[in-house]
Amino acid sequence: MIERITPPGAVSPRGPYSHAVRAGNFIFVSGQGPIDPATDKLSYGTIEHETRLVLNNVKRIIEGCGATMKDVVKCNVYLRNGTDFAAMNAVYAEFFGEAKPARTTVETKFADAQMLVEIDCIAYQE
């Protein structure tokens, strides 16, 4: 069974996609950008600021699907600038602690040239 999920309190999607899709025991979370849920607008700043916003948005969606960050098994991190890796990684560690999912991190160009980071993930929930 496939279920498309838009959890309450999640920021508005910026395109024709679902916040999350549950397929069996897997939850696929679409890439999240640095959107401030209080304003529902992009909030640019330091890599730490943007990473924190992004991961709080991911967390809100994961929890809205009935899972936790400990259920996340894979993350993809997209950075505008590879030199931001260490600073992003420090904030990332705050959200995952010992429950370290598999991860890929790449440097990329975004359609929004001001954005510094985007993260998507996959969670598994029994």
N, C-alpha and C. Protein backbone atom coordinates (compact mmCIF):
# COMPACT_ATOMS: atom_id res chain seq x y z
N MET A 1 0.84 -1.19 0.00
CA MET A 1 0.00 0.00 0.00
C MET A 1 0.88 1.25 0.00
N ILE A 2 0.50 2.22 -0.77
CA ILE A 2 1.23 3.49 -0.84
C ILE A 2 0.31 4.59 -0.31
N GLU A 3 0.88 5.40 0.59
CA GLU A 3 0.12 6.50 1.20
C GLU A 3 0.94 7.78 1.07
N ARG A 4 0.33 8.83 0.54
CA ARG A 4 0.98 10.13 0.43
C ARG A 4 0.57 10.95 1.64
N ILE A 5 1.56 11.53 2.32
CA ILE A 5 1.31 12.14 3.62
C ILE A 5 1.74 13.60 3.63
N THR A 6 0.85 14.46 4.11
CA THR A 6 1.16 15.85 4.40
C THR A 6 0.83 16.07 5.86
N PRO A 7 1.82 15.96 6.74
CA PRO A 7 1.56 16.08 8.18
C PRO A 7 1.10 17.48 8.56
N PRO A 8 0.25 17.59 9.58
CA PRO A 8 -0.14 18.92 10.06
C PRO A 8 1.09 19.66 10.58
N GLY A 9 1.14 20.95 10.32
CA GLY A 9 2.25 21.77 10.80
C GLY A 9 3.48 21.77 9.90
N ALA A 10 3.47 20.96 8.86
CA ALA A 10 4.60 20.94 7.93
C ALA A 10 4.55 22.17 7.03
N VAL A 11 5.70 22.63 6.60
CA VAL A 11 5.75 23.78 5.70
C VAL A 11 5.11 23.40 4.37
N SER A 12 4.68 24.39 3.62
CA SER A 12 4.02 24.13 2.34
C SER A 12 5.01 23.61 1.31
N PRO A 13 4.62 22.57 0.56
CA PRO A 13 5.49 22.10 -0.53
C PRO A 13 5.68 23.22 -1.55
N ARG A 14 6.85 23.27 -2.14
CA ARG A 14 7.16 24.30 -3.13
C ARG A 14 6.95 23.80 -4.56
N GLY A 15 6.29 22.66 -4.70
CA GLY A 15 6.06 22.10 -6.02
C GLY A 15 5.08 20.95 -5.94
N PRO A 16 4.90 20.25 -7.05
CA PRO A 16 3.94 19.14 -7.11
C PRO A 16 4.53 17.84 -6.56
N TYR A 17 4.70 17.80 -5.25
CA TYR A 17 5.23 16.60 -4.59
C TYR A 17 4.61 16.46 -3.21
N SER A 18 4.72 15.27 -2.66
CA SER A 18 4.24 14.99 -1.31
C SER A 18 5.38 15.20 -0.32
N HIS A 19 5.03 15.64 0.89
CA HIS A 19 6.04 15.75 1.94
C HIS A 19 6.68 14.40 2.18
N ALA A 20 5.83 13.39 2.26
CA ALA A 20 6.31 12.04 2.53
C ALA A 20 5.42 11.04 1.82
N VAL A 21 6.00 9.89 1.51
CA VAL A 21 5.25 8.78 0.94
C VAL A 21 5.60 7.55 1.75
N ARG A 22 4.58 6.91 2.29
CA ARG A 22 4.78 5.64 2.99
C ARG A 22 4.51 4.52 2.00
N ALA A 23 5.48 3.63 1.87
CA ALA A 23 5.35 2.44 1.02
C ALA A 23 5.72 1.25 1.90
N GLY A 24 4.72 0.54 2.35
CA GLY A 24 4.96 -0.53 3.30
C GLY A 24 5.51 0.05 4.59
N ASN A 25 6.64 -0.45 5.04
CA ASN A 25 7.25 0.04 6.28
C ASN A 25 8.23 1.19 6.05
N PHE A 26 8.39 1.61 4.81
CA PHE A 26 9.32 2.69 4.50
C PHE A 26 8.59 4.02 4.38
N ILE A 27 9.25 5.07 4.85
CA ILE A 27 8.75 6.44 4.72
C ILE A 27 9.81 7.23 3.96
N PHE A 28 9.45 7.74 2.80
CA PHE A 28 10.35 8.52 1.97
C PHE A 28 9.99 9.99 2.14
N VAL A 29 10.92 10.79 2.65
CA VAL A 29 10.68 12.21 2.89
C VAL A 29 11.34 13.01 1.78
N SER A 30 10.55 13.86 1.13
CA SER A 30 11.07 14.72 0.06
C SER A 30 12.12 15.67 0.60
N GLY A 31 12.98 16.14 -0.31
CA GLY A 31 14.02 17.09 0.07
C GLY A 31 13.40 18.32 0.72
N GLN A 32 14.00 18.72 1.84
CA GLN A 32 13.53 19.87 2.58
C GLN A 32 14.58 20.97 2.52
N GLY A 33 14.11 22.18 2.28
CA GLY A 33 14.97 23.35 2.27
C GLY A 33 14.81 24.14 3.56
N PRO A 34 15.54 25.24 3.68
CA PRO A 34 15.50 26.04 4.90
C PRO A 34 14.27 26.95 4.97
N ILE A 35 13.14 26.33 5.18
CA ILE A 35 11.88 27.09 5.25
C ILE A 35 11.50 27.25 6.71
N ASP A 36 11.24 28.48 7.11
CA ASP A 36 10.84 28.78 8.48
C ASP A 36 9.36 28.46 8.62
N PRO A 37 8.99 27.52 9.50
CA PRO A 37 7.57 27.17 9.62
C PRO A 37 6.70 28.30 10.16
N ALA A 38 7.30 29.26 10.86
CA ALA A 38 6.52 30.39 11.39
C ALA A 38 6.05 31.31 10.27
N THR A 39 6.85 31.44 9.22
CA THR A 39 6.50 32.35 8.12
C THR A 39 6.16 31.61 6.84
N ASP A 40 6.52 30.32 6.76
CA ASP A 40 6.37 29.50 5.57
C ASP A 40 7.15 30.08 4.39
N LYS A 41 8.26 30.74 4.72
CA LYS A 41 9.13 31.32 3.69
C LYS A 41 10.56 30.82 3.89
N LEU A 42 11.32 30.81 2.80
CA LEU A 42 12.73 30.45 2.90
C LEU A 42 13.43 31.43 3.84
N SER A 43 14.32 30.89 4.67
CA SER A 43 15.07 31.70 5.62
C SER A 43 16.55 31.42 5.40
N TYR A 44 17.22 32.34 4.72
CA TYR A 44 18.62 32.17 4.41
C TYR A 44 19.48 32.62 5.58
N GLY A 45 20.67 32.07 5.66
CA GLY A 45 21.59 32.47 6.72
C GLY A 45 22.83 31.62 6.66
N THR A 46 23.42 31.38 7.81
CA THR A 46 24.61 30.55 7.87
C THR A 46 24.22 29.10 7.58
N ILE A 47 25.22 28.28 7.30
CA ILE A 47 24.94 26.86 7.07
C ILE A 47 24.34 26.24 8.32
N GLU A 48 24.77 26.67 9.50
CA GLU A 48 24.21 26.13 10.74
C GLU A 48 22.72 26.47 10.85
N HIS A 49 22.38 27.72 10.58
CA HIS A 49 20.97 28.15 10.63
C HIS A 49 20.12 27.35 9.65
N GLU A 50 20.58 27.25 8.41
CA GLU A 50 19.80 26.56 7.39
C GLU A 50 19.70 25.06 7.68
N THR A 51 20.79 24.44 8.12
CA THR A 51 20.76 23.01 8.43
C THR A 51 19.79 22.73 9.56
N ARG A 52 19.78 23.58 10.57
CA ARG A 52 18.85 23.39 11.70
C ARG A 52 17.40 23.50 11.23
N LEU A 53 17.10 24.49 10.39
CA LEU A 53 15.74 24.62 9.85
C LEU A 53 15.35 23.38 9.04
N VAL A 54 16.25 22.96 8.17
CA VAL A 54 15.99 21.81 7.31
C VAL A 54 15.72 20.56 8.15
N LEU A 55 16.58 20.29 9.13
CA LEU A 55 16.40 19.07 9.93
C LEU A 55 15.20 19.15 10.85
N ASN A 56 14.84 20.35 11.31
CA ASN A 56 13.60 20.48 12.08
C ASN A 56 12.39 20.21 11.18
N ASN A 57 12.46 20.62 9.92
CA ASN A 57 11.37 20.33 8.98
C ASN A 57 11.29 18.83 8.70
N VAL A 58 12.45 18.19 8.52
CA VAL A 58 12.48 16.74 8.33
C VAL A 58 11.87 16.04 9.55
N LYS A 59 12.30 16.47 10.73
CA LYS A 59 11.81 15.87 11.98
C LYS A 59 10.29 16.03 12.11
N ARG A 60 9.78 17.21 11.78
CA ARG A 60 8.33 17.47 11.86
C ARG A 60 7.57 16.51 10.93
N ILE A 61 8.10 16.27 9.75
CA ILE A 61 7.44 15.37 8.80
C ILE A 61 7.53 13.93 9.29
N ILE A 62 8.72 13.52 9.71
CA ILE A 62 8.91 12.14 10.22
C ILE A 62 7.96 11.88 11.39
N GLU A 63 7.91 12.81 12.34
CA GLU A 63 7.03 12.63 13.49
C GLU A 63 5.56 12.67 13.08
N GLY A 64 5.24 13.48 12.07
CA GLY A 64 3.87 13.53 11.56
C GLY A 64 3.44 12.23 10.90
N CYS A 65 4.42 11.41 10.55
CA CYS A 65 4.16 10.08 9.98
C CYS A 65 4.16 9.00 11.06
N GLY A 66 4.34 9.41 12.32
CA GLY A 66 4.32 8.45 13.43
C GLY A 66 5.66 7.80 13.71
N ALA A 67 6.74 8.34 13.15
CA ALA A 67 8.07 7.77 13.35
C ALA A 67 8.92 8.76 14.15
N THR A 68 10.18 8.42 14.35
CA THR A 68 11.12 9.31 15.02
C THR A 68 12.39 9.40 14.19
N MET A 69 13.26 10.30 14.57
CA MET A 69 14.53 10.44 13.86
C MET A 69 15.38 9.17 14.01
N LYS A 70 15.15 8.40 15.04
CA LYS A 70 15.87 7.13 15.22
C LYS A 70 15.46 6.10 14.17
N ASP A 71 14.31 6.32 13.52
CA ASP A 71 13.84 5.42 12.47
C ASP A 71 14.44 5.75 11.10
N VAL A 72 15.15 6.86 11.00
CA VAL A 72 15.75 7.26 9.72
C VAL A 72 16.93 6.33 9.42
N VAL A 73 16.89 5.73 8.23
CA VAL A 73 17.95 4.78 7.85
C VAL A 73 18.89 5.35 6.78
N LYS A 74 18.48 6.41 6.08
CA LYS A 74 19.30 6.96 5.00
C LYS A 74 18.99 8.43 4.81
N CYS A 75 20.03 9.24 4.68
CA CYS A 75 19.87 10.66 4.36
C CYS A 75 20.73 10.99 3.16
N ASN A 76 20.23 11.92 2.37
CA ASN A 76 21.01 12.52 1.30
C ASN A 76 21.10 14.01 1.63
N VAL A 77 22.33 14.51 1.71
CA VAL A 77 22.57 15.92 2.03
C VAL A 77 23.17 16.58 0.80
N TYR A 78 22.59 17.69 0.41
CA TYR A 78 23.04 18.45 -0.74
C TYR A 78 23.53 19.81 -0.24
N LEU A 79 24.79 20.13 -0.50
CA LEU A 79 25.39 21.38 -0.07
C LEU A 79 25.75 22.24 -1.28
N ARG A 80 25.48 23.53 -1.17
CA ARG A 80 25.89 24.43 -2.25
C ARG A 80 27.41 24.54 -2.28
N ASN A 81 28.03 24.49 -1.08
CA ASN A 81 29.47 24.65 -0.99
C ASN A 81 30.04 23.54 -0.12
N GLY A 82 30.89 22.74 -0.68
CA GLY A 82 31.48 21.62 0.05
C GLY A 82 32.28 22.04 1.28
N THR A 83 32.74 23.28 1.31
CA THR A 83 33.49 23.74 2.48
C THR A 83 32.59 23.92 3.70
N ASP A 84 31.28 23.84 3.51
CA ASP A 84 30.32 23.93 4.63
C ASP A 84 30.13 22.58 5.32
N PHE A 85 30.82 21.54 4.84
CA PHE A 85 30.58 20.19 5.35
C PHE A 85 30.73 20.09 6.86
N ALA A 86 31.82 20.56 7.43
CA ALA A 86 32.07 20.40 8.87
C ALA A 86 30.99 21.10 9.71
N ALA A 87 30.62 22.30 9.32
CA ALA A 87 29.60 23.04 10.07
C ALA A 87 28.23 22.36 9.95
N MET A 88 27.89 21.90 8.75
CA MET A 88 26.63 21.16 8.57
C MET A 88 26.66 19.90 9.41
N ASN A 89 27.79 19.19 9.39
CA ASN A 89 27.92 17.92 10.09
C ASN A 89 27.73 18.09 11.60
N ALA A 90 28.21 19.19 12.17
CA ALA A 90 28.05 19.44 13.60
C ALA A 90 26.57 19.57 13.98
N VAL A 91 25.80 20.30 13.18
CA VAL A 91 24.36 20.43 13.44
C VAL A 91 23.67 19.10 13.19
N TYR A 92 24.01 18.43 12.12
CA TYR A 92 23.44 17.13 11.77
C TYR A 92 23.58 16.16 12.95
N ALA A 93 24.75 16.14 13.58
CA ALA A 93 25.01 15.24 14.70
C ALA A 93 24.06 15.51 15.87
N GLU A 94 23.65 16.75 16.06
CA GLU A 94 22.70 17.10 17.14
C GLU A 94 21.37 16.38 16.95
N PHE A 95 20.97 16.15 15.72
CA PHE A 95 19.67 15.56 15.43
C PHE A 95 19.69 14.03 15.45
N PHE A 96 20.84 13.44 15.21
CA PHE A 96 20.88 11.99 15.10
C PHE A 96 21.64 11.29 16.22
N GLY A 97 22.56 11.97 16.89
CA GLY A 97 23.29 11.36 17.99
C GLY A 97 23.87 10.01 17.63
N GLU A 98 23.55 9.00 18.44
CA GLU A 98 24.07 7.65 18.21
C GLU A 98 23.30 6.89 17.13
N ALA A 99 22.09 7.36 16.80
CA ALA A 99 21.29 6.69 15.76
C ALA A 99 21.73 7.24 14.41
N LYS A 100 22.87 6.82 13.96
CA LYS A 100 23.47 7.37 12.74
C LYS A 100 22.95 6.64 11.50
N PRO A 101 22.14 7.32 10.68
CA PRO A 101 21.70 6.69 9.43
C PRO A 101 22.83 6.67 8.40
N ALA A 102 22.70 5.83 7.40
CA ALA A 102 23.60 5.89 6.26
C ALA A 102 23.41 7.26 5.61
N ARG A 103 24.47 7.77 4.97
CA ARG A 103 24.35 9.12 4.42
C ARG A 103 25.24 9.29 3.21
N THR A 104 24.75 10.11 2.29
CA THR A 104 25.54 10.59 1.16
C THR A 104 25.49 12.11 1.22
N THR A 105 26.63 12.75 1.01
CA THR A 105 26.67 14.21 0.98
C THR A 105 27.37 14.62 -0.31
N VAL A 106 26.72 15.51 -1.05
CA VAL A 106 27.29 15.99 -2.31
C VAL A 106 27.19 17.50 -2.40
N GLU A 107 28.10 18.07 -3.16
CA GLU A 107 28.05 19.49 -3.48
C GLU A 107 27.23 19.62 -4.76
N THR A 108 26.34 20.60 -4.78
CA THR A 108 25.45 20.74 -5.94
C THR A 108 25.07 22.20 -6.16
N LYS A 109 24.47 22.44 -7.27
CA LYS A 109 23.91 23.76 -7.59
C LYS A 109 22.41 23.67 -7.39
N PHE A 110 21.83 24.64 -6.71
CA PHE A 110 20.38 24.67 -6.46
C PHE A 110 19.68 25.60 -7.44
N ALA A 111 18.41 25.33 -7.69
CA ALA A 111 17.60 26.25 -8.50
C ALA A 111 17.51 27.60 -7.81
N ASP A 112 17.44 27.59 -6.46
CA ASP A 112 17.47 28.82 -5.67
C ASP A 112 18.92 29.07 -5.28
N ALA A 113 19.56 30.02 -5.91
CA ALA A 113 21.00 30.24 -5.75
C ALA A 113 21.40 30.69 -4.34
N GLN A 114 20.45 31.13 -3.52
CA GLN A 114 20.79 31.58 -2.16
C GLN A 114 20.80 30.42 -1.15
N MET A 115 20.12 29.34 -1.48
CA MET A 115 19.99 28.21 -0.56
C MET A 115 21.33 27.51 -0.39
N LEU A 116 21.63 27.09 0.86
CA LEU A 116 22.89 26.44 1.15
C LEU A 116 22.79 24.93 1.32
N VAL A 117 21.60 24.42 1.70
CA VAL A 117 21.49 22.99 2.02
C VAL A 117 20.07 22.49 1.78
N GLU A 118 19.99 21.24 1.38
CA GLU A 118 18.72 20.52 1.26
C GLU A 118 18.99 19.09 1.71
N ILE A 119 18.02 18.49 2.41
CA ILE A 119 18.19 17.13 2.91
C ILE A 119 16.90 16.35 2.66
N ASP A 120 17.05 15.12 2.15
CA ASP A 120 15.92 14.19 2.07
C ASP A 120 16.31 12.94 2.86
N CYS A 121 15.33 12.10 3.15
CA CYS A 121 15.67 10.91 3.92
C CYS A 121 14.65 9.79 3.72
N ILE A 122 15.05 8.62 4.19
CA ILE A 122 14.20 7.44 4.19
C ILE A 122 14.19 6.90 5.61
N ALA A 123 13.00 6.61 6.12
CA ALA A 123 12.87 6.01 7.45
C ALA A 123 12.22 4.64 7.29
N TYR A 124 12.44 3.79 8.27
CA TYR A 124 11.85 2.46 8.30
C TYR A 124 11.14 2.31 9.64
N GLN A 125 9.87 1.95 9.57
CA GLN A 125 9.07 1.82 10.79
C GLN A 125 8.33 0.49 10.78
N GLU A 126 8.58 -0.32 11.79
CA GLU A 126 7.90 -1.62 11.89
C GLU A 126 6.52 -1.45 12.48
